[in-house]
Protein backbone atom coordinates (compact mmCIF):
# COMPACT_ATOMS: atom_id res chain seq x y z
CA MET A 1 -0.02 0.22 0.05
CA LEU A 2 1.44 3.33 -1.50
CA ASN A 3 1.91 6.17 0.70
CA THR A 4 2.22 9.66 -0.57
CA PRO A 5 6.25 10.14 -0.79
CA ILE A 6 7.40 11.89 2.21
CA THR A 7 9.99 14.43 2.09
CA ARG A 8 12.50 15.82 5.23
CA ARG A 9 10.36 19.03 5.11
CA SER A 10 6.72 17.08 5.27
CA LEU A 11 8.23 14.39 7.42
CA LEU A 12 10.05 15.53 9.92
CA GLY A 13 8.37 19.29 9.76
CA LEU A 14 12.08 20.81 9.78
CA GLY A 15 13.20 23.93 7.98
CA ALA A 16 16.61 24.12 5.82
CA ALA A 17 18.56 24.62 8.90
CA GLY A 18 17.07 21.58 10.49
CA ALA A 19 16.71 19.54 7.55
CA ALA A 20 20.72 20.02 6.88
CA SER A 21 21.23 19.09 10.67
CA LEU A 22 20.10 15.49 10.22
CA MET A 23 23.51 14.57 8.75
CA PHE A 24 25.04 15.22 11.57
CA ALA A 25 22.92 13.59 14.14
CA GLY A 26 24.82 10.53 15.57
CA CYS A 27 22.34 7.83 16.42
CA THR A 28 24.68 4.73 17.19
CA THR A 29 25.57 5.43 21.39
CA GLN A 30 28.48 4.54 23.69
CA ARG A 31 27.59 2.87 26.48
CA ALA A 32 28.84 3.16 30.08
CA ASP A 33 30.83 -0.04 29.34
CA GLY A 34 32.55 1.14 26.59
CA LYS A 35 30.54 -1.27 24.21
CA VAL A 36 28.99 0.40 21.00
CA GLU A 37 25.16 -0.10 21.22
CA VAL A 38 23.66 -1.11 17.66
CA GLU A 39 19.56 0.07 18.31
CA ILE A 40 17.52 -2.17 15.39
CA VAL A 41 14.01 -1.25 15.44
CA SER A 42 11.97 -4.20 13.94
CA TYR A 43 8.21 -4.05 12.68
CA LYS A 44 8.06 -8.09 12.79
CA GLN A 45 6.48 -8.44 16.49
CA GLU A 46 6.16 -12.09 15.77
CA ALA A 47 9.45 -12.76 15.57
CA VAL A 48 10.41 -11.10 19.19
CA SER A 49 11.32 -14.48 20.80
CA ILE A 50 13.91 -15.26 17.50
CA PHE A 51 15.21 -11.82 18.07
CA GLU A 52 15.85 -12.02 21.62
CA GLN A 53 17.77 -15.43 21.42
CA LEU A 54 19.89 -14.01 18.23
CA MET A 55 20.58 -11.08 20.41
CA GLU A 56 21.74 -12.95 23.41
CA GLU A 57 24.00 -15.07 21.55
CA PHE A 58 25.59 -12.01 19.65
CA ASN A 59 25.82 -10.23 23.00
CA ALA A 60 27.60 -13.08 24.59
CA SER A 61 30.12 -13.12 21.97
CA HIS A 62 31.04 -9.68 21.44
CA ASP A 63 32.79 -7.47 23.92
CA ASP A 64 33.00 -4.09 21.68
CA ILE A 65 29.24 -4.18 20.74
CA TYR A 66 25.75 -4.61 22.03
CA LEU A 67 22.86 -5.21 19.82
CA ASN A 68 19.62 -4.23 21.25
CA ILE A 69 16.74 -5.44 19.09
CA THR A 70 13.23 -4.10 19.54
CA SER A 71 10.12 -5.28 17.89
CA PRO A 72 7.08 -2.66 19.07
CA ALA A 73 3.66 -2.81 18.42
CA ASP A 74 2.67 -0.80 15.47
CA ALA A 75 6.63 -0.22 14.47
CA VAL A 76 6.11 1.75 11.53
CA THR A 77 4.25 4.59 13.30
CA ILE A 78 6.94 4.90 16.08
CA MET A 79 9.83 5.04 13.63
CA LYS A 80 8.00 7.49 12.03
CA THR A 81 7.48 9.64 15.23
CA ARG A 82 11.40 8.81 16.09
CA PHE A 83 12.41 10.64 12.67
CA VAL A 84 10.27 13.49 13.58
CA ARG A 85 12.07 13.64 16.94
CA GLU A 86 15.71 13.14 15.20
CA ASP A 87 15.79 10.29 17.37
CA TYR A 88 17.11 7.49 14.57
CA PRO A 89 17.74 4.19 15.28
CA ASP A 90 20.77 2.75 13.58
CA VAL A 91 18.96 0.01 11.62
CA ILE A 92 15.10 -0.40 10.19
CA GLY A 93 13.99 -4.13 10.18
CA ILE A 94 10.95 -3.36 7.89
CA GLY A 95 9.25 -5.29 4.29
CA GLY A 96 10.25 -3.82 0.88
CA ASP A 97 6.99 -1.92 0.97
CA ALA A 98 5.38 1.04 0.41
CA ASP A 99 7.43 2.75 3.82
CA TYR A 100 10.37 1.41 2.62
CA ALA A 101 10.35 3.54 -0.67
CA SER A 102 9.00 6.50 1.19
CA PHE A 103 11.70 6.51 3.39
CA VAL A 104 14.28 6.26 0.53
CA ASP A 105 12.48 8.73 -1.42
CA SER A 106 12.96 11.03 1.59
CA ALA A 107 17.03 10.45 1.93
CA ILE A 108 16.05 8.46 5.26
CA LEU A 109 18.66 5.60 4.39
CA ALA A 110 21.90 5.08 3.85
CA ASP A 111 23.57 3.98 0.78
CA VAL A 112 24.76 0.00 1.33
CA SER A 113 26.39 -0.99 -1.28
CA ASP A 114 29.59 -1.19 0.49
CA CYS A 115 27.57 -3.30 3.26
CA PRO A 116 29.61 -7.22 2.44
CA THR A 117 26.53 -8.82 3.59
CA SER A 118 24.89 -7.02 0.19
CA ALA A 119 26.63 -9.88 -2.36
CA ASP A 120 24.76 -12.63 -0.53
CA VAL A 121 21.46 -11.52 -1.56
CA GLN A 122 19.31 -13.89 -4.67
CA LYS A 123 19.31 -11.59 -7.26
CA ALA A 124 15.74 -12.06 -7.43
CA TYR A 125 14.89 -10.17 -4.37
CA SER A 126 17.47 -7.75 -5.38
CA ASP A 127 15.33 -6.74 -8.16
CA ILE A 128 11.98 -7.02 -5.99
CA LEU A 129 13.52 -4.11 -3.58
CA LYS A 130 14.82 -2.20 -6.79
CA SER A 131 11.29 -2.38 -8.45
CA VAL A 132 9.32 -1.06 -5.13
CA THR A 133 11.05 2.50 -5.36
CA TYR A 134 9.19 5.11 -7.33
CA VAL A 135 12.07 5.45 -9.54
CA PRO A 136 15.50 3.72 -10.71
CA MET A 137 17.68 4.68 -7.93
CA ASP A 138 21.63 4.78 -7.46
CA GLY A 139 22.59 2.85 -4.70
CA ILE A 140 21.24 -0.10 -2.01
CA TYR A 141 19.24 1.19 0.31
CA GLY A 142 18.47 -2.49 2.13
CA VAL A 143 19.57 -5.78 2.63
CA PRO A 144 16.97 -8.31 1.98
CA TYR A 145 16.81 -10.62 4.67
CA VAL A 146 13.73 -13.04 4.47
CA ALA A 147 10.99 -13.09 2.33
CA ASN A 148 7.32 -14.63 2.29
CA ALA A 149 4.89 -16.07 -0.16
CA ALA A 150 1.56 -16.17 -1.38
CA GLY A 151 -0.33 -18.82 -3.61
CA MET A 152 -2.81 -21.69 -2.89
CA LEU A 153 -2.60 -22.93 0.68
CA TYR A 154 -4.00 -26.44 0.48
CA ASN A 155 -4.90 -29.28 2.69
CA LYS A 156 -1.97 -32.42 1.74
CA ASP A 157 -3.87 -35.15 3.47
CA LEU A 158 -7.14 -34.33 1.97
CA PHE A 159 -5.49 -34.35 -1.66
CA GLU A 160 -3.66 -37.48 -1.07
CA GLU A 161 -7.14 -38.86 0.54
CA HIS A 162 -9.26 -38.36 -2.71
CA GLY A 163 -6.74 -38.21 -5.09
CA TRP A 164 -6.34 -34.39 -6.15
CA THR A 165 -4.10 -33.21 -7.94
CA ILE A 166 -2.07 -29.73 -8.22
CA PRO A 167 -3.72 -27.85 -10.97
CA GLU A 168 -1.33 -25.98 -13.31
CA THR A 169 -3.95 -23.58 -15.53
CA TRP A 170 -7.12 -21.95 -14.67
CA ASP A 171 -9.42 -24.32 -15.90
CA GLU A 172 -7.82 -27.20 -14.48
CA LEU A 173 -8.51 -24.97 -11.07
CA ILE A 174 -12.49 -25.04 -11.57
CA ALA A 175 -12.47 -27.96 -12.78
CA LEU A 176 -10.98 -29.23 -9.69
CA PHE A 177 -13.56 -27.25 -7.64
CA GLU A 178 -16.21 -28.98 -9.20
CA ARG A 179 -14.92 -32.19 -8.52
CA ILE A 180 -14.60 -31.36 -4.58
CA LYS A 181 -17.98 -30.19 -4.96
CA SER A 182 -19.62 -33.48 -6.08
CA GLU A 183 -17.33 -35.53 -4.07
CA THR A 184 -17.38 -34.31 -0.55
CA PRO A 185 -20.20 -31.75 -0.59
CA ASP A 186 -19.49 -31.18 3.19
CA ILE A 187 -16.26 -29.73 2.35
CA TYR A 188 -15.90 -26.11 0.47
CA PRO A 189 -13.29 -26.07 -2.20
CA ILE A 190 -11.84 -22.68 -1.31
CA TYR A 191 -12.63 -20.76 2.21
CA LEU A 192 -11.86 -16.88 1.54
CA GLY A 193 -12.97 -14.84 4.89
CA TYR A 194 -13.23 -11.47 3.05
CA LEU A 195 -14.48 -9.38 6.00
CA ASP A 196 -11.40 -8.15 6.73
CA THR A 197 -10.77 -6.34 3.26
CA TRP A 198 -7.59 -6.81 3.39
CA THR A 199 -7.88 -10.59 3.14
CA ILE A 200 -9.32 -9.97 -0.60
CA LEU A 201 -5.84 -8.86 -1.42
CA SER A 202 -4.50 -12.36 -1.36
CA PRO A 203 -6.35 -14.02 -4.01
CA TRP A 204 -5.96 -11.22 -5.97
CA ASN A 205 -2.26 -10.45 -5.83
CA SER A 206 -1.66 -14.28 -6.83
CA ILE A 207 -4.03 -14.21 -9.82
CA THR A 208 -3.29 -10.89 -11.49
CA ILE A 209 0.35 -11.21 -11.02
CA ASN A 210 0.29 -13.45 -13.93
CA MET A 211 -2.01 -11.78 -16.02
CA VAL A 212 -0.45 -8.16 -16.42
CA PRO A 213 2.52 -6.78 -16.95
CA SER A 214 5.05 -6.82 -13.97
CA ASP A 215 5.79 -2.97 -14.44
CA LEU A 216 1.83 -2.05 -14.82
CA ALA A 217 1.88 0.79 -12.30
CA ARG A 218 4.92 2.28 -13.70
CA GLN A 219 3.55 2.33 -17.24
CA VAL A 220 0.61 3.48 -15.50
CA ASN A 221 2.57 6.48 -13.64
CA ALA A 222 4.32 7.30 -16.78
CA GLY A 223 1.12 7.52 -18.49
CA THR A 224 1.73 4.93 -21.24
CA ALA A 225 -1.09 2.39 -19.68
CA LYS A 226 -4.30 2.15 -17.84
CA PHE A 227 -5.70 -0.31 -15.30
CA ALA A 228 -9.03 -0.48 -17.08
CA ASP A 229 -6.77 -2.31 -20.07
CA TYR A 230 -5.75 -5.22 -18.08
CA TYR A 231 -7.52 -5.66 -14.76
CA ARG A 232 -10.87 -6.90 -16.17
CA GLU A 233 -9.78 -10.45 -16.68
CA PRO A 234 -8.52 -10.78 -12.59
CA ALA A 235 -11.66 -9.25 -11.79
CA GLU A 236 -13.95 -11.72 -13.43
CA ARG A 237 -11.63 -14.38 -11.80
CA MET A 238 -12.11 -12.98 -7.96
CA LEU A 239 -16.09 -13.19 -8.66
CA GLN A 240 -15.57 -16.81 -10.07
CA LEU A 241 -14.20 -17.39 -7.01
CA LEU A 242 -16.93 -16.67 -5.13
CA ASP A 243 -19.04 -19.37 -6.84
CA TYR A 244 -16.89 -22.01 -4.91
CA ALA A 245 -16.16 -20.53 -1.19
CA GLU A 246 -18.30 -20.95 2.07
CA ASP A 247 -21.82 -18.94 1.97
CA GLY A 248 -21.70 -15.21 2.26
CA PRO A 249 -17.51 -14.85 2.62
CA PHE A 250 -17.91 -11.30 3.61
CA ALA A 251 -19.57 -12.45 7.14
CA TYR A 252 -16.54 -14.16 7.81
CA SER A 253 -12.73 -12.81 8.92
CA TYR A 254 -9.43 -13.59 8.75
CA ASN A 255 -9.68 -15.73 11.44
CA ASP A 256 -12.59 -17.49 10.68
CA ALA A 257 -10.79 -18.30 7.49
CA CYS A 258 -7.65 -19.93 9.20
CA THR A 259 -10.17 -21.83 11.45
CA ALA A 260 -12.67 -23.20 8.91
CA PHE A 261 -9.25 -24.35 6.68
CA ALA A 262 -7.48 -25.92 9.49
CA ARG A 263 -10.77 -27.81 10.61
CA GLY A 264 -11.03 -29.36 7.45
CA GLN A 265 -13.84 -26.92 6.16
CA SER A 266 -12.63 -26.27 2.71
CA ALA A 267 -9.31 -28.07 0.53
CA MET A 268 -7.79 -24.65 -0.26
CA TYR A 269 -7.54 -21.41 1.16
CA PRO A 270 -6.14 -18.64 -1.16
CA CYS A 271 -3.32 -16.83 1.16
CA GLY A 272 0.02 -16.43 2.22
CA SER A 273 2.27 -18.31 4.15
CA PHE A 274 2.00 -15.41 6.76
CA ALA A 275 -1.54 -17.04 7.45
CA VAL A 276 0.07 -20.68 8.36
CA PRO A 277 1.06 -20.03 12.30
CA GLN A 278 -2.31 -18.63 12.65
CA ILE A 279 -3.81 -22.01 10.89
CA LEU A 280 -1.37 -24.45 13.16
CA SER A 281 -2.39 -22.26 16.28
CA VAL A 282 -5.84 -24.34 15.43
CA ASN A 283 -4.77 -27.66 14.36
CA PRO A 284 -0.72 -28.01 15.30
CA ASP A 285 -0.74 -31.12 13.07
CA MET A 286 -2.01 -30.32 9.61
CA ASN A 287 -0.47 -30.98 6.47
CA ILE A 288 -0.29 -27.59 4.79
CA GLY A 289 1.33 -27.43 0.87
CA MET A 290 1.02 -24.22 -0.88
CA PHE A 291 0.98 -24.21 -4.97
CA ALA A 292 1.09 -21.20 -7.59
CA MET A 293 -1.85 -19.56 -8.33
CA PRO A 294 -2.34 -21.12 -12.06
CA SER A 295 -3.89 -18.21 -13.62
CA ALA A 296 -1.12 -17.59 -16.29
CA ASP A 297 -1.98 -18.72 -19.94
CA ASP A 298 1.25 -20.94 -20.10
CA PRO A 299 1.56 -23.44 -17.21
CA ASP A 300 5.39 -22.60 -17.55
CA ASP A 301 4.88 -18.98 -17.64
CA ARG A 302 3.55 -19.29 -13.99
CA ILE A 303 4.85 -16.98 -11.11
CA VAL A 304 4.45 -16.97 -7.26
CA VAL A 305 3.85 -13.87 -5.69
CA SER A 306 6.83 -13.67 -2.88
CA GLY A 307 8.29 -10.03 -1.55
CA VAL A 308 10.72 -8.98 0.85
CA ASP A 309 9.12 -9.77 4.32
CA LEU A 310 12.25 -8.24 6.33
CA GLN A 311 15.31 -6.30 5.27
CA TRP A 312 17.81 -4.50 7.32
CA CYS A 313 18.17 -0.38 6.46
CA VAL A 314 20.51 2.20 8.37
CA ALA A 315 19.60 5.61 9.13
CA GLU A 316 21.60 8.23 6.80
CA THR A 317 22.73 9.56 10.39
CA CYS A 318 24.63 6.42 11.56
CA GLU A 319 28.10 6.75 12.56
CA HIS A 320 29.47 3.74 13.37
CA LYS A 321 28.13 1.59 10.03
CA ASP A 322 31.48 -0.60 10.49
CA ALA A 323 29.30 -2.19 14.30
CA VAL A 324 25.96 -2.18 12.16
CA TYR A 325 27.86 -3.80 9.35
CA GLU A 326 29.10 -6.34 11.77
CA VAL A 327 25.69 -7.22 13.43
CA ILE A 328 24.50 -7.47 10.06
CA ALA A 329 26.94 -10.13 9.20
CA PHE A 330 25.92 -12.31 11.94
CA LEU A 331 22.18 -11.79 11.68
CA ASN A 332 22.91 -13.12 7.94
CA GLU A 333 25.23 -16.16 8.92
CA GLN A 334 23.51 -19.37 7.68
CA ALA A 335 23.03 -20.73 11.02
CA ASN A 336 21.33 -17.78 12.05
CA VAL A 337 18.96 -17.77 8.78
CA GLN A 338 18.42 -21.10 9.44
CA ALA A 339 17.23 -20.20 12.80
CA TYR A 340 14.81 -17.47 11.77
CA ILE A 341 13.08 -18.97 8.87
CA ASP A 342 12.46 -22.51 10.94
CA ASP A 343 11.07 -20.27 13.29
CA GLN A 344 9.01 -17.91 10.90
CA ARG A 345 8.06 -20.47 8.43
CA ALA A 346 9.96 -18.16 6.14
CA ILE A 347 12.21 -17.71 2.56
CA PRO A 348 15.61 -16.81 3.10
CA CYS A 349 17.04 -14.14 0.58
CA THR A 350 20.62 -14.81 0.77
CA GLU A 351 22.55 -17.72 -0.93
CA GLY A 352 23.01 -20.12 0.68
CA ASP A 353 22.21 -24.22 1.33
CA PHE A 354 19.09 -23.94 3.51
CA THR A 355 16.08 -26.22 4.76
CA LEU A 356 12.35 -24.78 3.63
CA ASP A 357 9.51 -25.52 5.82
CA PRO A 358 7.75 -28.61 3.54
CA LEU A 359 5.01 -25.80 3.50
CA PHE A 360 6.97 -24.50 0.48
CA ASP A 361 7.94 -27.82 -1.58
CA ASP A 362 5.55 -27.55 -4.15
CA ILE A 363 7.18 -24.07 -4.90
CA GLN A 364 10.46 -24.71 -4.19
CA PRO A 365 11.09 -25.02 -8.06
CA PHE A 366 9.52 -21.23 -8.40
CA LEU A 367 11.94 -19.97 -5.89
CA ASP A 368 15.42 -21.45 -7.21
CA GLU A 369 14.66 -20.46 -10.42
CA GLY A 370 13.48 -17.23 -9.15
CA LYS A 371 10.62 -16.87 -11.19
CA VAL A 372 9.00 -14.79 -8.20
CA LEU A 373 7.56 -11.27 -8.14
CA ASP A 374 6.68 -8.49 -5.80
CA TYR A 375 3.14 -8.13 -4.05
CA LEU A 376 0.80 -6.22 -6.41
CA ASP A 377 -0.27 -3.96 -3.39
CA HIS A 378 3.06 -2.81 -2.37
CA SER A 379 2.45 -0.57 -5.14
CA TYR A 380 -1.16 0.69 -4.07
CA GLN A 381 -1.52 3.67 -2.25
CA SER A 382 -3.04 3.30 1.40
CA ALA A 383 -5.50 6.26 1.02
CA MET A 384 -7.23 4.45 -2.18
CA ALA A 385 -8.54 1.76 -0.03
CA CYS A 386 -8.02 -0.56 -3.11
CA ASP A 387 -8.99 -4.04 -0.71
CA ALA A 388 -12.33 -2.02 -0.48
CA GLN A 389 -12.93 -1.45 -3.96
CA LEU A 390 -12.19 -5.19 -4.99
CA GLN A 391 -15.02 -6.22 -2.03
CA THR A 392 -17.31 -3.37 -3.59
CA MET A 393 -16.78 -4.62 -7.00
CA LEU A 394 -16.99 -8.61 -5.68
CA LEU A 395 -20.39 -7.47 -3.66
CA ASP A 396 -22.06 -6.02 -6.66
CA GLY A 397 -20.75 -7.76 -9.48
CA ASP A 398 -20.14 -4.17 -11.38
CA ILE A 399 -16.77 -4.39 -12.95
CA ASP A 400 -17.03 -1.48 -15.22
CA ALA A 401 -17.35 0.83 -12.03
CA PHE A 402 -14.60 -1.07 -11.02
CA LEU A 403 -12.43 -0.10 -13.19
CA GLU A 404 -13.44 3.52 -14.04
CA LYS A 405 -12.96 4.04 -10.36
CA TRP A 406 -9.54 3.00 -9.79
CA ASP A 407 -8.16 4.74 -12.64
CA THR A 408 -9.69 7.42 -11.43
CA ASP A 409 -8.49 7.48 -7.66
CA TRP A 410 -5.19 6.27 -8.74
CA GLN A 411 -4.49 9.55 -10.71
CA ARG A 412 -6.14 11.43 -7.44
CA TYR A 413 -3.96 9.91 -5.22
CA ASN A 414 -0.56 9.43 -6.69
CA ARG A 415 0.04 12.99 -8.49
CA SER A 416 3.27 13.49 -6.56
CA VAL A 417 4.20 10.26 -7.63
CA ILE A 418 3.19 10.04 -10.97
CA ARG A 419 4.75 13.79 -11.34
CA LYS A 420 7.90 12.15 -10.07
CA VAL A 421 7.91 9.11 -12.38
CA GLN A 422 7.22 11.29 -15.70
CA ASP A 423 10.02 14.08 -14.76
CA TYR A 424 12.31 10.65 -14.45
CA GLU A 425 10.92 9.70 -17.79
CA SER A 426 11.30 12.83 -19.63
CA GLN A 427 14.93 13.09 -18.63
CA GLN A 428 15.91 9.65 -19.91
């Protein structure tokens, strides 16, 4: 969800002198015991326990650096508040999303091209991170750590019991839905849980990413395309899913959907790996798999939606990048990355011999080949309420009105980004 780009003046409320002072404000502190303290503020509140473990191991093995990792609730809001006070953490742990793009645009983040760990990042995730910024940027402003993925979650045991196979085309998916309805009328083919509008973005991302140009948002911002030229067929497929889901999906929440899937009330759930901990909290023994959404015309062109779920960004004001880089190198040691992905069922962004959760077995070839693209909604502006627009379209079935409003609202809420992109394009 794309926020309006922030500037040092607009975000921080500073005059010219105050803005200039940011360049000299230090952030890494010297402790009373002589150690340099490196502070990381991460938005991954669900990863507190593994961060505490890694922090303890680092501090036990280093006598010159003290690592302090915090993961507060509503971390991004807290970060922005701290930016206003010129109180910058050394390292910002965020996703590769619109907040990251705004921070880069505002010159809050340092170029970490000289961070040795950057060389170990898989090209697919480096490319995804570059695609998030409004225009191509010189330098590297984050070190991708772990990713997540979205597609179709499925109940492996049910599939094995009934002899159902993973579909590779949309027609095969619909045929599988029909077969499930026929063979197991007490089990829904899919569960949706669209009361929480953000959940609608999961299937939308997975379906649409296979059907539109990967840089469609950039084309629209450059004035060379419209969403209406590409979004009709994905919208039609979103409507088609309603025929195979629970009755009245708009009355059921994300938690309801996770619970229903965990209890075997549906064979599939179009969502992301981030939902698996919630599902397993209901049914710890559930055997869950994930396959790529089969919405590409050619099965060989299928793409898995995968975004940078956590990266390490260094504040521009940081005075002790050497200590920060030592921390990042420690966190990116293979054993430590493995500990994190085991704990969080994540996908590593760095090269290495990692063992992924069995959840990813069916999409492993896509990950190995780099056939991944970022979540489309990472380029959507929050003010547009794109998820609510999708919900309205699904409720009333009016695709024409949906397409017209989407393009109109995009122009309204992305004026500054459009201007930036078109200025950039005019200079090429």
